[in-house]
Amino acid sequence: MSKLYLVPTPVGNLEDITLRALRILREVDTILAEDTRTSGVLLKHYDIQARLQSHHKFNEHSTADAIVARIQAGETIALITDAGTPAISDPGFLLVRACCRAGVEVECLPGATAFVPALVMSGLPNEKFCFEGFLPQKKGRNSRLEVLATEERSMIIYESPYRLVKTLQQLAEVMGEEREAAVCREISKLHADTQRGTLAQLVQHYTDNEPKGEIVIVVAGAPEQPRQKKDKYAHKKEKKDNVE
């Protein structure tokens, strides 16, 4: 039966791909790739001969319906991105939504993603967490940071090395310099590195050491605020006061 497969690809080490993912990529009629040059390296490594088609954030609005029609006509298609799971801070959502609305079957394989290992390696509480992806670069950035300042769950943020120090400084301004955090860099790659400490310490570290590579920031949630105990007789007291 024709369908859309979402296939996670390695975020670093090329061995971080499942046997099933390799089989699916060999069997489908077409592979949609965020960047065919980047994906070509992976496919060549595993000797996968497949028809590649570009599918990225600049064309996904205009191509989704046509891809749905092809699947309805009997084609089986896989979507991959440069790294990680499609639609997680990457193209994919629009196509999945179009397929769902058209009654086309969608299956997402389990596999690589950057934020899970970063959260686990951070050493911060991970029983509950908030995934933010990339913060707004301009409009809405300050208001979003203010909202996150009171978030009690651990927060996961994607960032580029060029904006890392500025983002850490902004987080320190709204959340306090002593808030615990971790910066995970180049996950699953040769020069993988995780730095842990306060936001102030991380700002200093990456001011002194220029960051490189893909980056995930994990920030501890705000301390839980004590809840006020309700007086179960308060409504009776209020009613009595009104009568008097």
Protein backbone atom coordinates (compact mmCIF):
# COMPACT_ATOMS: atom_id res chain seq x y z
CA MET A 1 0.00 0.00 0.00
CA SER A 2 1.37 3.42 -0.94
CA LYS A 3 2.10 5.80 1.93
CA LEU A 4 4.39 8.54 3.21
CA TYR A 5 7.28 7.43 5.40
CA LEU A 6 9.08 9.90 7.65
CA VAL A 7 12.57 8.49 8.13
CA PRO A 8 14.94 9.89 10.77
CA THR A 9 18.56 10.24 9.67
CA PRO A 10 21.72 10.48 11.84
CA VAL A 11 22.46 13.77 13.60
CA GLY A 12 26.16 12.88 13.66
CA ASN A 13 27.62 9.40 13.30
CA LEU A 14 26.33 7.72 10.13
CA GLU A 15 25.92 4.46 12.08
CA ASP A 16 23.06 6.05 14.03
CA ILE A 17 20.44 4.80 11.58
CA THR A 18 18.18 1.80 12.00
CA LEU A 19 18.18 -1.29 9.81
CA ARG A 20 14.52 -0.68 9.04
CA ALA A 21 15.23 2.90 7.94
CA LEU A 22 17.83 1.61 5.47
CA ARG A 23 15.38 -0.97 4.11
CA ILE A 24 12.62 1.62 3.65
CA LEU A 25 14.98 4.01 1.85
CA ARG A 26 15.94 1.21 -0.53
CA GLU A 27 12.34 0.20 -1.23
CA VAL A 28 10.50 3.50 -1.75
CA ASP A 29 9.89 5.00 -5.17
CA THR A 30 11.14 8.47 -4.24
CA ILE A 31 13.07 10.06 -1.38
CA LEU A 32 12.25 13.67 -0.57
CA ALA A 33 15.35 15.33 0.87
CA GLU A 34 15.87 18.72 2.52
CA ASP A 35 19.22 19.04 0.74
CA THR A 36 19.97 16.41 -1.88
CA ARG A 37 23.70 17.04 -1.58
CA THR A 38 23.74 16.36 2.17
CA SER A 39 21.45 13.34 1.88
CA GLY A 40 23.48 12.08 -1.05
CA VAL A 41 26.44 11.48 1.28
CA LEU A 42 24.35 9.23 3.53
CA LEU A 43 22.76 7.33 0.64
CA LYS A 44 26.09 6.81 -1.08
CA HIS A 45 27.61 5.53 2.17
CA TYR A 46 24.94 2.80 2.30
CA ASP A 47 24.85 2.24 -1.47
CA ILE A 48 21.20 3.26 -1.74
CA GLN A 49 20.11 3.94 -5.30
CA ALA A 50 16.95 6.02 -5.17
CA ARG A 51 15.22 8.83 -6.97
CA LEU A 52 15.94 12.00 -4.99
CA GLN A 53 13.73 15.08 -4.99
CA SER A 54 14.33 18.36 -3.16
CA HIS A 55 11.79 19.17 -0.44
CA HIS A 56 12.59 22.11 1.85
CA LYS A 57 11.00 25.03 3.67
CA PHE A 58 11.09 27.21 0.55
CA ASN A 59 9.04 24.90 -1.66
CA GLU A 60 6.99 22.71 0.69
CA HIS A 61 3.97 25.07 0.55
CA SER A 62 3.70 24.69 -3.21
CA THR A 63 4.57 20.99 -3.60
CA ALA A 64 2.64 19.27 -0.80
CA ASP A 65 -0.59 18.76 -2.76
CA ALA A 66 1.25 17.34 -5.78
CA ILE A 67 3.13 14.88 -3.57
CA VAL A 68 -0.13 13.78 -1.95
CA ALA A 69 -1.59 13.16 -5.41
CA ARG A 70 1.39 11.00 -6.35
CA ILE A 71 0.95 8.85 -3.25
CA GLN A 72 -2.76 8.52 -3.99
CA ALA A 73 -1.79 7.35 -7.47
CA GLY A 74 0.26 4.51 -5.97
CA GLU A 75 3.71 5.94 -5.28
CA THR A 76 5.48 5.23 -2.00
CA ILE A 77 7.53 8.18 -0.77
CA ALA A 78 10.00 8.72 2.07
CA LEU A 79 10.82 12.12 3.57
CA ILE A 80 14.21 12.75 5.15
CA THR A 81 15.93 15.91 6.36
CA ASP A 82 19.60 16.82 6.70
CA ALA A 83 19.67 15.31 10.20
CA GLY A 84 17.20 14.02 12.76
CA THR A 85 13.46 13.40 12.53
CA PRO A 86 11.49 15.22 9.81
CA ALA A 87 9.11 17.97 11.04
CA ILE A 88 11.07 18.54 14.29
CA SER A 89 12.42 22.04 13.58
CA ASP A 90 12.71 20.85 9.97
CA PRO A 91 10.39 20.57 6.93
CA GLY A 92 7.67 17.94 7.15
CA PHE A 93 4.67 19.28 9.03
CA LEU A 94 2.91 20.76 6.00
CA LEU A 95 3.25 17.55 4.00
CA VAL A 96 2.09 15.39 6.90
CA ARG A 97 -0.93 17.63 7.44
CA ALA A 98 -1.80 17.51 3.74
CA CYS A 99 -1.58 13.71 3.76
CA CYS A 100 -3.74 13.42 6.88
CA ARG A 101 -6.40 15.69 5.43
CA ALA A 102 -6.43 13.65 2.20
CA GLY A 103 -6.65 10.32 4.01
CA VAL A 104 -3.15 9.26 2.93
CA GLU A 105 -1.39 6.94 5.34
CA VAL A 106 1.62 8.41 7.17
CA GLU A 107 4.17 6.43 9.16
CA CYS A 108 7.05 7.95 11.13
CA LEU A 109 9.89 5.59 11.98
CA PRO A 110 11.52 5.95 15.41
CA GLY A 111 15.11 7.10 15.31
CA ALA A 112 17.63 9.87 15.66
CA THR A 113 16.82 13.28 17.06
CA ALA A 114 19.11 15.80 18.77
CA PHE A 115 17.06 16.97 21.73
CA VAL A 116 16.60 13.61 23.52
CA PRO A 117 20.31 12.83 24.04
CA ALA A 118 20.94 16.49 24.94
CA LEU A 119 18.23 16.40 27.61
CA VAL A 120 19.50 13.13 29.07
CA MET A 121 23.16 14.24 29.05
CA SER A 122 22.36 17.63 30.60
CA GLY A 123 21.90 16.15 34.06
CA LEU A 124 18.82 18.35 34.52
CA PRO A 125 15.36 16.99 35.45
CA ASN A 126 13.88 15.17 32.46
CA GLU A 127 10.66 13.56 33.64
CA LYS A 128 8.88 16.57 32.12
CA PHE A 129 10.28 19.01 29.60
CA CYS A 130 9.37 21.78 27.19
CA PHE A 131 10.70 21.65 23.62
CA GLU A 132 11.06 25.15 22.15
CA GLY A 133 13.09 24.43 19.02
CA PHE A 134 14.53 27.67 17.61
CA LEU A 135 13.45 30.84 19.43
CA PRO A 136 12.05 33.70 17.34
CA GLN A 137 15.00 35.68 16.01
CA LYS A 138 13.33 39.08 16.15
CA LYS A 139 9.58 39.61 16.51
CA GLY A 140 8.22 37.95 19.65
CA ARG A 141 11.61 36.89 21.00
CA ASN A 142 11.52 39.02 24.18
CA SER A 143 7.95 38.09 25.02
CA ARG A 144 8.74 34.41 24.50
CA LEU A 145 11.75 34.62 26.80
CA GLU A 146 9.60 36.27 29.47
CA VAL A 147 7.10 33.42 29.26
CA LEU A 148 9.88 30.84 29.55
CA ALA A 149 11.26 32.57 32.63
CA THR A 150 8.40 31.09 34.67
CA GLU A 151 8.34 27.69 32.95
CA GLU A 152 8.88 25.00 35.61
CA ARG A 153 9.87 22.21 33.22
CA SER A 154 13.35 21.81 31.74
CA MET A 155 13.52 23.72 28.45
CA ILE A 156 15.19 22.59 25.22
CA ILE A 157 16.31 25.21 22.70
CA TYR A 158 18.07 24.80 19.35
CA GLU A 159 20.63 27.46 18.46
CA SER A 160 23.33 28.24 15.93
CA PRO A 161 26.93 28.74 17.11
CA TYR A 162 26.83 32.33 15.84
CA ARG A 163 23.99 33.31 18.19
CA LEU A 164 24.83 31.08 21.16
CA VAL A 165 26.52 33.65 23.40
CA LYS A 166 23.83 36.26 22.76
CA THR A 167 21.07 33.76 23.52
CA LEU A 168 22.76 32.63 26.74
CA GLN A 169 23.12 36.28 27.78
CA GLN A 170 19.43 36.93 27.11
CA LEU A 171 18.43 33.81 29.05
CA ALA A 172 20.58 34.99 31.97
CA GLU A 173 18.92 38.42 31.89
CA VAL A 174 15.36 37.09 32.13
CA MET A 175 15.97 33.94 34.20
CA GLY A 176 18.88 34.97 36.38
CA GLU A 177 22.57 34.28 35.99
CA GLU A 178 22.45 31.40 38.50
CA ARG A 179 19.92 29.32 36.56
CA GLU A 180 21.43 25.91 35.77
CA ALA A 181 21.84 24.93 32.12
CA ALA A 182 23.79 22.76 29.71
CA VAL A 183 25.04 23.27 26.17
CA CYS A 184 25.40 20.13 24.06
CA ARG A 185 27.41 20.55 20.89
CA GLU A 186 28.05 18.26 17.92
CA ILE A 187 25.97 15.39 19.34
CA SER A 188 27.15 11.96 18.13
CA LYS A 189 30.03 13.49 16.17
CA LEU A 190 33.80 13.17 16.67
CA HIS A 191 34.09 16.41 18.67
CA ALA A 192 30.91 16.05 20.72
CA ASP A 193 30.99 18.16 23.87
CA THR A 194 28.64 19.00 26.75
CA GLN A 195 29.23 21.96 29.07
CA ARG A 196 27.19 22.27 32.27
CA GLY A 197 26.91 25.11 34.76
CA THR A 198 25.05 28.32 35.45
CA LEU A 199 24.02 30.58 32.59
CA ALA A 200 26.69 33.05 33.71
CA GLN A 201 29.37 30.36 33.61
CA LEU A 202 28.27 29.20 30.16
CA VAL A 203 28.31 32.76 28.83
CA GLN A 204 31.90 33.12 30.07
CA HIS A 205 32.95 29.74 28.66
CA TYR A 206 31.67 30.40 25.16
CA THR A 207 32.94 33.99 25.21
CA ASP A 208 36.40 32.54 25.80
CA ASN A 209 35.91 29.51 23.54
CA GLU A 210 34.25 30.16 20.19
CA PRO A 211 31.46 27.60 19.70
CA LYS A 212 31.21 25.53 16.54
CA GLY A 213 28.75 23.00 15.16
CA GLU A 214 25.12 22.12 15.88
CA ILE A 215 23.99 23.18 19.35
CA VAL A 216 21.24 22.25 21.82
CA ILE A 217 20.69 24.31 24.98
CA VAL A 218 18.94 22.74 27.96
CA VAL A 219 17.84 25.13 30.71
CA ALA A 220 16.53 24.14 34.13
CA GLY A 221 12.95 25.07 34.88
CA ALA A 222 12.02 27.80 37.35
CA PRO A 223 11.68 26.74 40.99
CA GLU A 224 8.18 25.51 41.67
CA GLN A 225 6.11 28.20 43.36
CA PRO A 226 4.44 27.18 46.65
CA ARG A 227 0.69 26.99 46.27
CA GLN A 228 -1.45 28.91 48.72
CA LYS A 229 -3.72 26.73 50.84
CA LYS A 230 -7.38 27.46 50.39
CA ASP A 231 -9.50 28.14 53.46
CA LYS A 232 -12.42 25.74 53.09
CA TYR A 233 -14.54 28.03 55.31
CA ALA A 234 -13.65 31.21 53.40
CA HIS A 235 -16.95 31.31 51.47
CA LYS A 236 -18.95 30.98 54.71
CA LYS A 237 -16.98 33.81 56.31
CA GLU A 238 -17.53 36.00 53.25
CA LYS A 239 -21.27 35.27 53.32
CA LYS A 240 -21.45 36.14 57.04
CA ASP A 241 -19.60 39.42 56.50
CA ASN A 242 -22.02 40.37 53.72
CA VAL A 243 -25.03 39.71 55.96
CA GLU A 244 -23.62 41.85 58.72
